[in-house]
Amino acid sequence: MKTRKCLDEEIPELDTAVTLSVYTKVPFKWILIDTETLVVYKGSNNSEIGKQWTKIKTIANAKAFKKIVLK
């Protein structure tokens, strides 16, 4: 089984992709963080698959981020 390193943890990679959904009337308040690449996305009102999240930044200080998240 393949694994990925996410925040100092080895996470198993699934054989097939899954869909994660957020059902909301206020998509702009939601933040998604890719814990492998530390890219941060903000929700959008675009319903097209692949365009529902807008990249807003990449976290440069991974050590500080891990300290906050893994408290």
N, C-alpha and C. Protein backbone atom coordinates (compact mmCIF):
# COMPACT_ATOMS: atom_id res chain seq x y z
N MET A 1 0.84 -1.18 0.00
CA MET A 1 0.00 0.00 0.00
C MET A 1 0.89 1.25 0.00
N LYS A 2 0.56 2.19 -0.88
CA LYS A 2 1.29 3.46 -0.93
C LYS A 2 0.85 4.36 0.22
N THR A 3 1.78 5.16 0.68
CA THR A 3 1.47 6.13 1.73
C THR A 3 1.95 7.51 1.31
N ARG A 4 1.43 8.51 1.99
CA ARG A 4 1.84 9.90 1.78
C ARG A 4 2.21 10.48 3.14
N LYS A 5 3.21 11.36 3.16
CA LYS A 5 3.60 12.00 4.41
C LYS A 5 2.83 13.30 4.55
N CYS A 6 2.00 13.36 5.59
CA CYS A 6 1.16 14.52 5.86
C CYS A 6 1.33 14.91 7.32
N LEU A 7 1.94 16.06 7.55
CA LEU A 7 2.17 16.55 8.91
C LEU A 7 2.86 15.51 9.79
N ASP A 8 3.97 15.01 9.32
CA ASP A 8 4.80 14.05 10.06
C ASP A 8 4.11 12.71 10.31
N GLU A 9 3.12 12.40 9.53
CA GLU A 9 2.39 11.15 9.69
C GLU A 9 2.30 10.46 8.33
N GLU A 10 2.48 9.17 8.31
CA GLU A 10 2.30 8.41 7.07
C GLU A 10 0.82 8.05 6.94
N ILE A 11 0.19 8.53 5.89
CA ILE A 11 -1.24 8.33 5.65
C ILE A 11 -1.40 7.38 4.46
N PRO A 12 -2.24 6.34 4.58
CA PRO A 12 -2.42 5.43 3.45
C PRO A 12 -3.13 6.11 2.28
N GLU A 13 -2.67 5.80 1.07
CA GLU A 13 -3.31 6.30 -0.14
C GLU A 13 -4.30 5.25 -0.61
N LEU A 14 -5.53 5.65 -0.86
CA LEU A 14 -6.56 4.73 -1.31
C LEU A 14 -6.35 4.37 -2.78
N ASP A 15 -6.92 3.25 -3.20
CA ASP A 15 -6.81 2.84 -4.60
C ASP A 15 -7.65 3.70 -5.53
N THR A 16 -8.77 4.22 -5.02
CA THR A 16 -9.64 5.07 -5.83
C THR A 16 -9.94 6.36 -5.08
N ALA A 17 -10.19 7.41 -5.84
CA ALA A 17 -10.48 8.72 -5.25
C ALA A 17 -11.87 8.74 -4.61
N VAL A 18 -12.04 9.56 -3.60
CA VAL A 18 -13.34 9.76 -2.95
C VAL A 18 -13.71 11.24 -3.07
N THR A 19 -15.00 11.52 -2.96
CA THR A 19 -15.49 12.88 -3.01
C THR A 19 -15.82 13.35 -1.61
N LEU A 20 -15.30 14.50 -1.23
CA LEU A 20 -15.62 15.12 0.05
C LEU A 20 -16.48 16.34 -0.26
N SER A 21 -17.63 16.45 0.40
CA SER A 21 -18.57 17.53 0.10
C SER A 21 -18.84 18.40 1.32
N VAL A 22 -19.04 19.69 1.06
CA VAL A 22 -19.46 20.64 2.08
C VAL A 22 -20.76 21.25 1.57
N TYR A 23 -21.83 21.10 2.32
CA TYR A 23 -23.14 21.63 1.96
C TYR A 23 -23.38 22.89 2.78
N THR A 24 -23.39 24.06 2.12
CA THR A 24 -23.44 25.31 2.86
C THR A 24 -24.05 26.43 2.02
N LYS A 25 -24.60 27.41 2.68
CA LYS A 25 -25.09 28.61 2.01
C LYS A 25 -24.02 29.71 1.99
N VAL A 26 -22.93 29.49 2.71
CA VAL A 26 -21.85 30.48 2.82
C VAL A 26 -20.51 29.80 2.49
N PRO A 27 -20.25 29.51 1.22
CA PRO A 27 -19.04 28.77 0.87
C PRO A 27 -17.74 29.52 1.14
N PHE A 28 -17.80 30.85 1.17
CA PHE A 28 -16.58 31.66 1.34
C PHE A 28 -16.00 31.57 2.75
N LYS A 29 -16.76 31.07 3.71
CA LYS A 29 -16.24 30.98 5.08
C LYS A 29 -15.40 29.73 5.30
N TRP A 30 -15.43 28.81 4.37
CA TRP A 30 -14.74 27.53 4.53
C TRP A 30 -13.32 27.59 4.02
N ILE A 31 -12.41 26.95 4.77
CA ILE A 31 -11.00 26.87 4.40
C ILE A 31 -10.62 25.39 4.34
N LEU A 32 -9.85 25.03 3.33
CA LEU A 32 -9.37 23.66 3.14
C LEU A 32 -7.84 23.73 3.10
N ILE A 33 -7.18 22.88 3.88
CA ILE A 33 -5.72 22.85 3.90
C ILE A 33 -5.25 21.46 3.49
N ASP A 34 -4.45 21.41 2.44
CA ASP A 34 -3.84 20.16 2.00
C ASP A 34 -2.65 19.91 2.92
N THR A 35 -2.74 18.92 3.79
CA THR A 35 -1.70 18.68 4.79
C THR A 35 -0.45 18.02 4.21
N GLU A 36 -0.48 17.68 2.94
CA GLU A 36 0.72 17.16 2.29
C GLU A 36 1.55 18.30 1.69
N THR A 37 0.89 19.24 1.03
CA THR A 37 1.58 20.34 0.35
C THR A 37 1.51 21.65 1.12
N LEU A 38 0.65 21.72 2.14
CA LEU A 38 0.39 22.93 2.92
C LEU A 38 -0.16 24.08 2.08
N VAL A 39 -0.91 23.73 1.04
CA VAL A 39 -1.61 24.73 0.24
C VAL A 39 -2.97 24.97 0.89
N VAL A 40 -3.37 26.26 0.98
CA VAL A 40 -4.62 26.67 1.62
C VAL A 40 -5.59 27.12 0.53
N TYR A 41 -6.83 26.62 0.61
CA TYR A 41 -7.87 26.96 -0.35
C TYR A 41 -9.06 27.57 0.39
N LYS A 42 -9.80 28.45 -0.31
CA LYS A 42 -11.01 29.05 0.22
C LYS A 42 -12.17 28.61 -0.66
N GLY A 43 -13.32 28.32 -0.04
CA GLY A 43 -14.49 27.91 -0.80
C GLY A 43 -14.97 29.01 -1.74
N SER A 44 -15.58 28.61 -2.86
CA SER A 44 -16.12 29.57 -3.81
C SER A 44 -17.58 29.21 -4.09
N ASN A 45 -18.27 30.05 -4.83
CA ASN A 45 -19.66 29.74 -5.18
C ASN A 45 -19.77 29.07 -6.55
N ASN A 46 -18.64 28.61 -7.09
CA ASN A 46 -18.63 27.89 -8.36
C ASN A 46 -18.98 26.42 -8.09
N SER A 47 -20.02 25.91 -8.72
CA SER A 47 -20.45 24.53 -8.45
C SER A 47 -19.77 23.52 -9.37
N GLU A 48 -18.94 23.97 -10.29
CA GLU A 48 -18.25 23.06 -11.21
C GLU A 48 -17.15 22.30 -10.46
N ILE A 49 -17.16 20.98 -10.62
CA ILE A 49 -16.15 20.15 -9.97
C ILE A 49 -14.76 20.61 -10.40
N GLY A 50 -13.87 20.76 -9.45
CA GLY A 50 -12.51 21.23 -9.72
C GLY A 50 -12.36 22.73 -9.60
N LYS A 51 -13.48 23.45 -9.48
CA LYS A 51 -13.42 24.90 -9.35
C LYS A 51 -14.13 25.39 -8.09
N GLN A 52 -14.45 24.47 -7.19
CA GLN A 52 -15.18 24.82 -5.97
C GLN A 52 -14.27 25.41 -4.90
N TRP A 53 -12.97 25.24 -5.06
CA TRP A 53 -12.01 25.76 -4.10
C TRP A 53 -11.00 26.63 -4.83
N THR A 54 -10.66 27.78 -4.26
CA THR A 54 -9.71 28.71 -4.84
C THR A 54 -8.46 28.74 -3.98
N LYS A 55 -7.30 28.52 -4.60
CA LYS A 55 -6.03 28.56 -3.86
C LYS A 55 -5.78 29.98 -3.39
N ILE A 56 -5.49 30.12 -2.08
CA ILE A 56 -5.23 31.47 -1.57
C ILE A 56 -3.79 31.64 -1.09
N LYS A 57 -3.13 30.57 -0.68
CA LYS A 57 -1.72 30.70 -0.28
C LYS A 57 -1.11 29.33 0.01
N THR A 58 0.20 29.32 0.13
CA THR A 58 0.93 28.13 0.59
C THR A 58 1.59 28.51 1.91
N ILE A 59 1.43 27.67 2.89
CA ILE A 59 2.00 27.93 4.21
C ILE A 59 3.51 27.70 4.13
N ALA A 60 4.27 28.74 4.41
CA ALA A 60 5.73 28.66 4.28
C ALA A 60 6.40 28.04 5.50
N ASN A 61 5.84 28.29 6.68
CA ASN A 61 6.46 27.82 7.91
C ASN A 61 5.75 26.54 8.38
N ALA A 62 6.14 25.43 7.80
CA ALA A 62 5.50 24.15 8.12
C ALA A 62 5.66 23.78 9.59
N LYS A 63 6.80 24.10 10.18
CA LYS A 63 7.04 23.75 11.58
C LYS A 63 6.04 24.45 12.50
N ALA A 64 5.82 25.74 12.30
CA ALA A 64 4.86 26.49 13.12
C ALA A 64 3.44 25.98 12.90
N PHE A 65 3.10 25.70 11.65
CA PHE A 65 1.77 25.18 11.34
C PHE A 65 1.53 23.85 12.05
N LYS A 66 2.49 22.95 12.00
CA LYS A 66 2.36 21.66 12.66
C LYS A 66 2.19 21.82 14.17
N LYS A 67 2.91 22.78 14.74
CA LYS A 67 2.81 23.02 16.18
C LYS A 67 1.39 23.41 16.57
N ILE A 68 0.76 24.24 15.77
CA ILE A 68 -0.60 24.70 16.05
C ILE A 68 -1.60 23.57 15.82
N VAL A 69 -1.49 22.86 14.71
CA VAL A 69 -2.45 21.84 14.32
C VAL A 69 -2.32 20.57 15.16
N LEU A 70 -1.12 20.20 15.49
CA LEU A 70 -0.89 18.93 16.20
C LEU A 70 -0.80 19.09 17.71
N LYS A 71 -1.27 20.19 18.24
CA LYS A 71 -1.24 20.46 19.69
C LYS A 71 -1.73 19.28 20.48
